[in-house]
Amino acid sequence: RRVMVVFIVLDRAAGSAGSAGPPDSDAADADKNSIMNTQHVSFVKGVNGRMEMRVERYLDTFPFNYYVVLRDIAGLPAVLAEALRQYFSLVGNT
């Protein structure tokens, strides 16, 4: 089957559109809450048999192969057009 699923993440926390002034504490808090900065903690057995804590970025272990992090909803048409272009490029090469 020639199906490509693209997961679109709307990350409005990162880089709020329309903020023309200097960054303030609200903007810093919003950036801290962005999916780009979210971390995932897991415990794994180390070489010595003890449990060790491992901290990874959430997007490094994201369960979807193809995803787009969209910060501004106005960019959605361009992102969808680019995803379709890449899909047809992949399909044409196989």
PDB file of N, CA and C in Angstrom:
ATOM      1  N   ARG A   1       0.832  -1.187   0.000  1.00  0.00           N
ATOM      2  CA  ARG A   1       0.000   0.000   0.000  1.00  0.00           C
ATOM      3  C   ARG A   1       0.866   1.235   0.000  1.00  0.00           C
ATOM      4  N   ARG A   2       0.413   2.218  -0.703  1.00  0.00           N
ATOM      5  CA  ARG A   2       1.125   3.500  -0.768  1.00  0.00           C
ATOM      6  C   ARG A   2       0.403   4.528   0.097  1.00  0.00           C
ATOM      7  N   VAL A   3       0.615   4.400   1.388  1.00  0.00           N
ATOM      8  CA  VAL A   3      -0.025   5.303   2.350  1.00  0.00           C
ATOM      9  C   VAL A   3       1.060   5.885   3.236  1.00  0.00           C
ATOM     10  N   MET A   4       1.039   7.191   3.395  1.00  0.00           N
ATOM     11  CA  MET A   4       1.972   7.854   4.299  1.00  0.00           C
ATOM     12  C   MET A   4       1.149   8.665   5.296  1.00  0.00           C
ATOM     13  N   VAL A   5       1.314   8.355   6.572  1.00  0.00           N
ATOM     14  CA  VAL A   5       0.606   9.063   7.624  1.00  0.00           C
ATOM     15  C   VAL A   5       1.547  10.117   8.186  1.00  0.00           C
ATOM     16  N   VAL A   6       1.083  11.367   8.201  1.00  0.00           N
ATOM     17  CA  VAL A   6       1.868  12.472   8.754  1.00  0.00           C
ATOM     18  C   VAL A   6       1.140  12.986   9.983  1.00  0.00           C
ATOM     19  N   PHE A   7       1.819  12.956  11.102  1.00  0.00           N
ATOM     20  CA  PHE A   7       1.267  13.437  12.362  1.00  0.00           C
ATOM     21  C   PHE A   7       1.619  14.912  12.487  1.00  0.00           C
ATOM     22  N   ILE A   8       0.617  15.765  12.638  1.00  0.00           N
ATOM     23  CA  ILE A   8       0.847  17.206  12.742  1.00  0.00           C
ATOM     24  C   ILE A   8       0.641  17.630  14.192  1.00  0.00           C
ATOM     25  N   VAL A   9       1.680  18.199  14.778  1.00  0.00           N
ATOM     26  CA  VAL A   9       1.648  18.673  16.157  1.00  0.00           C
ATOM     27  C   VAL A   9       1.565  20.190  16.122  1.00  0.00           C
ATOM     28  N   LEU A  10       0.503  20.742  16.661  1.00  0.00           N
ATOM     29  CA  LEU A  10       0.373  22.192  16.761  1.00  0.00           C
ATOM     30  C   LEU A  10       0.975  22.618  18.088  1.00  0.00           C
ATOM     31  N   ASP A  11       2.141  23.246  18.028  1.00  0.00           N
ATOM     32  CA  ASP A  11       2.896  23.629  19.219  1.00  0.00           C
ATOM     33  C   ASP A  11       2.835  25.138  19.377  1.00  0.00           C
ATOM     34  N   ARG A  12       1.724  25.610  19.879  1.00  0.00           N
ATOM     35  CA  ARG A  12       1.550  27.055  20.035  1.00  0.00           C
ATOM     36  C   ARG A  12       2.364  27.599  21.197  1.00  0.00           C
ATOM     37  N   ALA A  13       2.850  26.730  22.064  1.00  0.00           N
ATOM     38  CA  ALA A  13       3.628  27.192  23.215  1.00  0.00           C
ATOM     39  C   ALA A  13       4.955  27.792  22.778  1.00  0.00           C
ATOM     40  N   ALA A  14       5.526  27.265  21.701  1.00  0.00           N
ATOM     41  CA  ALA A  14       6.833  27.737  21.241  1.00  0.00           C
ATOM     42  C   ALA A  14       6.660  28.904  20.300  1.00  0.00           C
ATOM     43  N   GLY A  15       7.326  29.995  20.605  1.00  0.00           N
ATOM     44  CA  GLY A  15       7.337  31.148  19.705  1.00  0.00           C
ATOM     45  C   GLY A  15       5.964  31.691  19.392  1.00  0.00           C
ATOM     46  N   SER A  16       5.301  32.278  20.349  1.00  0.00           N
ATOM     47  CA  SER A  16       3.967  32.824  20.128  1.00  0.00           C
ATOM     48  C   SER A  16       3.986  33.869  19.033  1.00  0.00           C
ATOM     49  N   ALA A  17       3.076  33.712  18.067  1.00  0.00           N
ATOM     50  CA  ALA A  17       3.005  34.659  16.952  1.00  0.00           C
ATOM     51  C   ALA A  17       2.434  35.985  17.438  1.00  0.00           C
ATOM     52  N   GLY A  18       2.959  37.060  16.926  1.00  0.00           N
ATOM     53  CA  GLY A  18       2.435  38.379  17.235  1.00  0.00           C
ATOM     54  C   GLY A  18       3.109  39.051  18.414  1.00  0.00           C
ATOM     55  N   SER A  19       4.089  38.438  19.034  1.00  0.00           N
ATOM     56  CA  SER A  19       4.776  39.092  20.141  1.00  0.00           C
ATOM     57  C   SER A  19       5.938  39.896  19.579  1.00  0.00           C
ATOM     58  N   ALA A  20       5.765  41.214  19.519  1.00  0.00           N
ATOM     59  CA  ALA A  20       6.773  42.079  18.895  1.00  0.00           C
ATOM     60  C   ALA A  20       7.761  42.627  19.914  1.00  0.00           C
ATOM     61  N   GLY A  21       7.422  42.562  21.175  1.00  0.00           N
ATOM     62  CA  GLY A  21       8.292  43.132  22.189  1.00  0.00           C
ATOM     63  C   GLY A  21       9.361  42.158  22.638  1.00  0.00           C
ATOM     64  N   PRO A  22      10.171  42.609  23.610  1.00  0.00           N
ATOM     65  CA  PRO A  22      11.213  41.719  24.134  1.00  0.00           C
ATOM     66  C   PRO A  22      10.589  40.546  24.879  1.00  0.00           C
ATOM     67  N   PRO A  23      11.298  39.424  24.933  1.00  0.00           N
ATOM     68  CA  PRO A  23      10.744  38.268  25.634  1.00  0.00           C
ATOM     69  C   PRO A  23      10.566  38.568  27.111  1.00  0.00           C
ATOM     70  N   ASP A  24       9.440  38.155  27.639  1.00  0.00           N
ATOM     71  CA  ASP A  24       9.188  38.338  29.059  1.00  0.00           C
ATOM     72  C   ASP A  24       9.058  36.973  29.714  1.00  0.00           C
ATOM     73  N   SER A  25       8.679  36.954  30.973  1.00  0.00           N
ATOM     74  CA  SER A  25       8.612  35.683  31.700  1.00  0.00           C
ATOM     75  C   SER A  25       7.523  34.780  31.125  1.00  0.00           C
ATOM     76  N   ASP A  26       6.417  35.350  30.609  1.00  0.00           N
ATOM     77  CA  ASP A  26       5.362  34.533  30.013  1.00  0.00           C
ATOM     78  C   ASP A  26       5.872  33.816  28.768  1.00  0.00           C
ATOM     79  N   ALA A  27       6.646  34.505  27.937  1.00  0.00           N
ATOM     80  CA  ALA A  27       7.195  33.898  26.730  1.00  0.00           C
ATOM     81  C   ALA A  27       8.205  32.814  27.096  1.00  0.00           C
ATOM     82  N   ALA A  28       8.994  33.048  28.125  1.00  0.00           N
ATOM     83  CA  ALA A  28       9.958  32.045  28.563  1.00  0.00           C
ATOM     84  C   ALA A  28       9.247  30.809  29.096  1.00  0.00           C
ATOM     85  N   ASP A  29       8.149  31.006  29.836  1.00  0.00           N
ATOM     86  CA  ASP A  29       7.371  29.871  30.332  1.00  0.00           C
ATOM     87  C   ASP A  29       6.743  29.096  29.179  1.00  0.00           C
ATOM     88  N   ALA A  30       6.246  29.811  28.165  1.00  0.00           N
ATOM     89  CA  ALA A  30       5.635  29.153  27.019  1.00  0.00           C
ATOM     90  C   ALA A  30       6.656  28.321  26.266  1.00  0.00           C
ATOM     91  N   ASP A  31       7.869  28.841  26.108  1.00  0.00           N
ATOM     92  CA  ASP A  31       8.921  28.095  25.412  1.00  0.00           C
ATOM     93  C   ASP A  31       9.320  26.859  26.224  1.00  0.00           C
ATOM     94  N   LYS A  32       9.301  26.982  27.536  1.00  0.00           N
ATOM     95  CA  LYS A  32       9.632  25.846  28.397  1.00  0.00           C
ATOM     96  C   LYS A  32       8.597  24.730  28.244  1.00  0.00           C
ATOM     97  N   ASN A  33       7.351  25.079  27.949  1.00  0.00           N
ATOM     98  CA  ASN A  33       6.276  24.108  27.804  1.00  0.00           C
ATOM     99  C   ASN A  33       6.139  23.576  26.376  1.00  0.00           C
ATOM    100  N   SER A  34       7.018  23.960  25.491  1.00  0.00           N
ATOM    101  CA  SER A  34       6.969  23.509  24.109  1.00  0.00           C
ATOM    102  C   SER A  34       7.281  22.020  24.015  1.00  0.00           C
ATOM    103  N   ILE A  35       6.688  21.350  23.046  1.00  0.00           N
ATOM    104  CA  ILE A  35       6.983  19.934  22.819  1.00  0.00           C
ATOM    105  C   ILE A  35       8.434  19.737  22.398  1.00  0.00           C
ATOM    106  N   MET A  36       9.040  20.784  21.845  1.00  0.00           N
ATOM    107  CA  MET A  36      10.437  20.694  21.432  1.00  0.00           C
ATOM    108  C   MET A  36      11.374  20.569  22.644  1.00  0.00           C
ATOM    109  N   ASN A  37      10.923  21.021  23.810  1.00  0.00           N
ATOM    110  CA  ASN A  37      11.738  20.972  25.021  1.00  0.00           C
ATOM    111  C   ASN A  37      11.268  19.917  26.021  1.00  0.00           C
ATOM    112  N   THR A  38      10.230  19.170  25.683  1.00  0.00           N
ATOM    113  CA  THR A  38       9.698  18.156  26.579  1.00  0.00           C
ATOM    114  C   THR A  38      10.651  16.972  26.641  1.00  0.00           C
ATOM    115  N   GLN A  39      10.844  16.456  27.848  1.00  0.00           N
ATOM    116  CA  GLN A  39      11.741  15.322  28.028  1.00  0.00           C
ATOM    117  C   GLN A  39      10.987  14.122  28.569  1.00  0.00           C
ATOM    118  N   HIS A  40      11.521  12.952  28.296  1.00  0.00           N
ATOM    119  CA  HIS A  40      10.935  11.683  28.703  1.00  0.00           C
ATOM    120  C   HIS A  40      11.950  10.975  29.604  1.00  0.00           C
ATOM    121  N   VAL A  41      11.503  10.517  30.755  1.00  0.00           N
ATOM    122  CA  VAL A  41      12.388   9.842  31.702  1.00  0.00           C
ATOM    123  C   VAL A  41      12.030   8.363  31.722  1.00  0.00           C
ATOM    124  N   SER A  42      13.050   7.514  31.634  1.00  0.00           N
ATOM    125  CA  SER A  42      12.834   6.070  31.738  1.00  0.00           C
ATOM    126  C   SER A  42      13.941   5.473  32.591  1.00  0.00           C
ATOM    127  N   PHE A  43      13.672   4.300  33.119  1.00  0.00           N
ATOM    128  CA  PHE A  43      14.647   3.583  33.928  1.00  0.00           C
ATOM    129  C   PHE A  43      15.030   2.310  33.188  1.00  0.00           C
ATOM    130  N   VAL A  44      16.327   2.115  33.024  1.00  0.00           N
ATOM    131  CA  VAL A  44      16.850   0.947  32.319  1.00  0.00           C
ATOM    132  C   VAL A  44      17.906   0.277  33.192  1.00  0.00           C
ATOM    133  N   LYS A  45      18.097  -1.014  32.951  1.00  0.00           N
ATOM    134  CA  LYS A  45      19.145  -1.731  33.675  1.00  0.00           C
ATOM    135  C   LYS A  45      20.493  -1.372  33.085  1.00  0.00           C
ATOM    136  N   GLY A  46      21.398  -0.969  33.943  1.00  0.00           N
ATOM    137  CA  GLY A  46      22.741  -0.618  33.509  1.00  0.00           C
ATOM    138  C   GLY A  46      23.620  -1.852  33.365  1.00  0.00           C
ATOM    139  N   VAL A  47      24.868  -1.627  32.994  1.00  0.00           N
ATOM    140  CA  VAL A  47      25.807  -2.730  32.796  1.00  0.00           C
ATOM    141  C   VAL A  47      26.102  -3.475  34.098  1.00  0.00           C
ATOM    142  N   ASN A  48      25.959  -2.783  35.204  1.00  0.00           N
ATOM    143  CA  ASN A  48      26.222  -3.419  36.499  1.00  0.00           C
ATOM    144  C   ASN A  48      24.966  -4.054  37.095  1.00  0.00           C
ATOM    145  N   GLY A  49      23.854  -4.043  36.353  1.00  0.00           N
ATOM    146  CA  GLY A  49      22.611  -4.648  36.836  1.00  0.00           C
ATOM    147  C   GLY A  49      21.736  -3.725  37.650  1.00  0.00           C
ATOM    148  N   ARG A  50      22.208  -2.523  37.932  1.00  0.00           N
ATOM    149  CA  ARG A  50      21.420  -1.563  38.706  1.00  0.00           C
ATOM    150  C   ARG A  50      20.548  -0.745  37.762  1.00  0.00           C
ATOM    151  N   MET A  51      19.440  -0.266  38.276  1.00  0.00           N
ATOM    152  CA  MET A  51      18.539   0.578  37.488  1.00  0.00           C
ATOM    153  C   MET A  51      19.137   1.977  37.380  1.00  0.00           C
ATOM    154  N   GLU A  52      19.169   2.476  36.158  1.00  0.00           N
ATOM    155  CA  GLU A  52      19.696   3.816  35.912  1.00  0.00           C
ATOM    156  C   GLU A  52      18.627   4.651  35.232  1.00  0.00           C
ATOM    157  N   MET A  53      18.609   5.923  35.590  1.00  0.00           N
ATOM    158  CA  MET A  53      17.649   6.838  34.989  1.00  0.00           C
ATOM    159  C   MET A  53      18.217   7.383  33.680  1.00  0.00           C
ATOM    160  N   ARG A  54      17.368   7.370  32.627  1.00  0.00           N
ATOM    161  CA  ARG A  54      17.777   7.922  31.342  1.00  0.00           C
ATOM    162  C   ARG A  54      16.770   9.003  30.950  1.00  0.00           C
ATOM    163  N   VAL A  55      17.288  10.183  30.602  1.00  0.00           N
ATOM    164  CA  VAL A  55      16.454  11.313  30.190  1.00  0.00           C
ATOM    165  C   VAL A  55      16.689  11.544  28.705  1.00  0.00           C
ATOM    166  N   GLU A  56      15.594  11.512  27.931  1.00  0.00           N
ATOM    167  CA  GLU A  56      15.671  11.716  26.482  1.00  0.00           C
ATOM    168  C   GLU A  56      14.652  12.769  26.077  1.00  0.00           C
ATOM    169  N   ARG A  57      14.931  13.418  24.960  1.00  0.00           N
ATOM    170  CA  ARG A  57      13.934  14.342  24.420  1.00  0.00           C
ATOM    171  C   ARG A  57      12.742  13.528  23.931  1.00  0.00           C
ATOM    172  N   TYR A  58      11.551  14.015  24.172  1.00  0.00           N
ATOM    173  CA  TYR A  58      10.341  13.289  23.804  1.00  0.00           C
ATOM    174  C   TYR A  58      10.280  13.013  22.300  1.00  0.00           C
ATOM    175  N   LEU A  59      10.660  13.986  21.491  1.00  0.00           N
ATOM    176  CA  LEU A  59      10.568  13.793  20.042  1.00  0.00           C
ATOM    177  C   LEU A  59      11.593  12.796  19.518  1.00  0.00           C
ATOM    178  N   ASP A  60      12.652  12.507  20.274  1.00  0.00           N
ATOM    179  CA  ASP A  60      13.612  11.485  19.850  1.00  0.00           C
ATOM    180  C   ASP A  60      13.011  10.092  19.917  1.00  0.00           C
ATOM    181  N   THR A  61      12.003   9.908  20.755  1.00  0.00           N
ATOM    182  CA  THR A  61      11.340   8.607  20.878  1.00  0.00           C
ATOM    183  C   THR A  61       9.883   8.679  20.431  1.00  0.00           C
ATOM    184  N   PHE A  62       9.556   9.673  19.602  1.00  0.00           N
ATOM    185  CA  PHE A  62       8.177   9.862  19.137  1.00  0.00           C
ATOM    186  C   PHE A  62       7.747   8.644  18.330  1.00  0.00           C
ATOM    187  N   PRO A  63       6.552   8.114  18.572  1.00  0.00           N
ATOM    188  CA  PRO A  63       6.169   6.843  17.950  1.00  0.00           C
ATOM    189  C   PRO A  63       5.801   6.914  16.466  1.00  0.00           C
ATOM    190  N   PHE A  64       5.798   8.082  15.857  1.00  0.00           N
ATOM    191  CA  PHE A  64       5.449   8.204  14.445  1.00  0.00           C
ATOM    192  C   PHE A  64       6.705   8.487  13.629  1.00  0.00           C
ATOM    193  N   ASN A  65       6.814   7.839  12.471  1.00  0.00           N
ATOM    194  CA  ASN A  65       7.973   8.053  11.606  1.00  0.00           C
ATOM    195  C   ASN A  65       7.966   9.436  10.977  1.00  0.00           C
ATOM    196  N   TYR A  66       6.806   9.889  10.569  1.00  0.00           N
ATOM    197  CA  TYR A  66       6.681  11.175   9.886  1.00  0.00           C
ATOM    198  C   TYR A  66       5.817  12.101  10.723  1.00  0.00           C
ATOM    199  N   TYR A  67       6.402  13.203  11.149  1.00  0.00           N
ATOM    200  CA  TYR A  67       5.643  14.182  11.918  1.00  0.00           C
ATOM    201  C   TYR A  67       6.158  15.576  11.595  1.00  0.00           C
ATOM    202  N   VAL A  68       5.281  16.547  11.836  1.00  0.00           N
ATOM    203  CA  VAL A  68       5.601  17.957  11.605  1.00  0.00           C
ATOM    204  C   VAL A  68       5.220  18.716  12.866  1.00  0.00           C
ATOM    205  N   VAL A  69       6.126  19.538  13.362  1.00  0.00           N
ATOM    206  CA  VAL A  69       5.815  20.420  14.492  1.00  0.00           C
ATOM    207  C   VAL A  69       5.506  21.779  13.898  1.00  0.00           C
ATOM    208  N   LEU A  70       4.261  22.184  14.013  1.00  0.00           N
ATOM    209  CA  LEU A  70       3.776  23.426  13.421  1.00  0.00           C
ATOM    210  C   LEU A  70       3.541  24.442  14.525  1.00  0.00           C
ATOM    211  N   ARG A  71       4.225  25.562  14.438  1.00  0.00           N
ATOM    212  CA  ARG A  71       4.092  26.590  15.475  1.00  0.00           C
ATOM    213  C   ARG A  71       3.061  27.645  15.132  1.00  0.00           C
ATOM    214  N   ASP A  72       2.787  27.829  13.856  1.00  0.00           N
ATOM    215  CA  ASP A  72       1.830  28.845  13.431  1.00  0.00           C
ATOM    216  C   ASP A  72       0.826  28.188  12.496  1.00  0.00           C
ATOM    217  N   ILE A  73      -0.441  28.210  12.854  1.00  0.00           N
ATOM    218  CA  ILE A  73      -1.487  27.543  12.076  1.00  0.00           C
ATOM    219  C   ILE A  73      -1.589  28.121  10.665  1.00  0.00           C
ATOM    220  N   ALA A  74      -1.140  29.353  10.472  1.00  0.00           N
ATOM    221  CA  ALA A  74      -1.185  29.960   9.141  1.00  0.00           C
ATOM    222  C   ALA A  74      -0.261  29.235   8.159  1.00  0.00           C
ATOM    223  N   GLY A  75       0.717  28.509   8.671  1.00  0.00           N
ATOM    224  CA  GLY A  75       1.631  27.767   7.818  1.00  0.00           C
ATOM    225  C   GLY A  75       1.135  26.386   7.433  1.00  0.00           C
ATOM    226  N   LEU A  76      -0.056  25.998   7.889  1.00  0.00           N
ATOM    227  CA  LEU A  76      -0.580  24.661   7.612  1.00  0.00           C
ATOM    228  C   LEU A  76      -0.702  24.346   6.120  1.00  0.00           C
ATOM    229  N   PRO A  77      -1.251  25.232   5.287  1.00  0.00           N
ATOM    230  CA  PRO A  77      -1.341  24.893   3.851  1.00  0.00           C
ATOM    231  C   PRO A  77       0.016  24.623   3.213  1.00  0.00           C
ATOM    232  N   ALA A  78       1.008  25.409   3.542  1.00  0.00           N
ATOM    233  CA  ALA A  78       2.342  25.200   2.974  1.00  0.00           C
ATOM    234  C   ALA A  78       2.946  23.892   3.465  1.00  0.00           C
ATOM    235  N   VAL A  79       2.726  23.555   4.729  1.00  0.00           N
ATOM    236  CA  VAL A  79       3.260  22.311   5.288  1.00  0.00           C
ATOM    237  C   VAL A  79       2.592  21.103   4.635  1.00  0.00           C
ATOM    238  N   LEU A  80       1.283  21.159   4.458  1.00  0.00           N
ATOM    239  CA  LEU A  80       0.579  20.058   3.798  1.00  0.00           C
ATOM    240  C   LEU A  80       1.016  19.915   2.347  1.00  0.00           C
ATOM    241  N   ALA A  81       1.218  21.025   1.653  1.00  0.00           N
ATOM    242  CA  ALA A  81       1.686  20.975   0.265  1.00  0.00           C
ATOM    243  C   ALA A  81       3.074  20.341   0.188  1.00  0.00           C
ATOM    244  N   GLU A  82       3.954  20.683   1.110  1.00  0.00           N
ATOM    245  CA  GLU A  82       5.300  20.108   1.115  1.00  0.00           C
ATOM    246  C   GLU A  82       5.258  18.617   1.442  1.00  0.00           C
ATOM    247  N   ALA A  83       4.385  18.220   2.370  1.00  0.00           N
ATOM    248  CA  ALA A  83       4.251  16.798   2.701  1.00  0.00           C
ATOM    249  C   ALA A  83       3.755  16.008   1.489  1.00  0.00           C
ATOM    250  N   LEU A  84       2.795  16.561   0.762  1.00  0.00           N
ATOM    251  CA  LEU A  84       2.305  15.887  -0.454  1.00  0.00           C
ATOM    252  C   LEU A  84       3.393  15.818  -1.514  1.00  0.00           C
ATOM    253  N   ARG A  85       4.169  16.865  -1.658  1.00  0.00           N
ATOM    254  CA  ARG A  85       5.255  16.861  -2.643  1.00  0.00           C
ATOM    255  C   ARG A  85       6.264  15.765  -2.312  1.00  0.00           C
ATOM    256  N   GLN A  86       6.622  15.651  -1.034  1.00  0.00           N
ATOM    257  CA  GLN A  86       7.569  14.618  -0.626  1.00  0.00           C
ATOM    258  C   GLN A  86       6.979  13.220  -0.808  1.00  0.00           C
ATOM    259  N   TYR A  87       5.682  13.067  -0.543  1.00  0.00           N
ATOM    260  CA  TYR A  87       5.027  11.773  -0.733  1.00  0.00           C
ATOM    261  C   TYR A  87       5.094  11.346  -2.198  1.00  0.00           C
ATOM    262  N   PHE A  88       4.740  12.251  -3.096  1.00  0.00           N
ATOM    263  CA  PHE A  88       4.763  11.903  -4.517  1.00  0.00           C
ATOM    264  C   PHE A  88       6.191  11.661  -5.009  1.00  0.00           C
ATOM    265  N   SER A  89       7.140  12.325  -4.414  1.00  0.00           N
ATOM    266  CA  SER A  89       8.539  12.075  -4.747  1.00  0.00           C
ATOM    267  C   SER A  89       8.960  10.668  -4.329  1.00  0.00           C
ATOM    268  N   LEU A  90       8.541  10.255  -3.122  1.00  0.00           N
ATOM    269  CA  LEU A  90       8.849   8.905  -2.645  1.00  0.00           C
ATOM    270  C   LEU A  90       8.159   7.843  -3.485  1.00  0.00           C
ATOM    271  N   VAL A  91       6.897   8.064  -3.813  1.00  0.00           N
ATOM    272  CA  VAL A  91       6.133   7.104  -4.597  1.00  0.00           C
ATOM    273  C   VAL A  91       6.708   6.993  -6.011  1.00  0.00           C
ATOM    274  N   GLY A  92       7.139   8.101  -6.562  1.00  0.00           N
ATOM    275  CA  GLY A  92       7.698   8.104  -7.920  1.00  0.00           C
ATOM    276  C   GLY A  92       9.025   7.388  -8.016  1.00  0.00           C
ATOM    277  N   ASN A  93       9.788   7.334  -6.917  1.00  0.00           N
ATOM    278  CA  ASN A  93      11.097   6.686  -6.919  1.00  0.00           C
ATOM    279  C   ASN A  93      11.025   5.185  -6.707  1.00  0.00           C
ATOM    280  N   THR A  94       9.868   4.663  -6.314  1.00  0.00           N
ATOM    281  CA  THR A  94       9.753   3.223  -6.048  1.00  0.00           C
ATOM    282  C   THR A  94       9.076   2.485  -7.185  1.00  0.00           C
TER     283      THR A  94
END
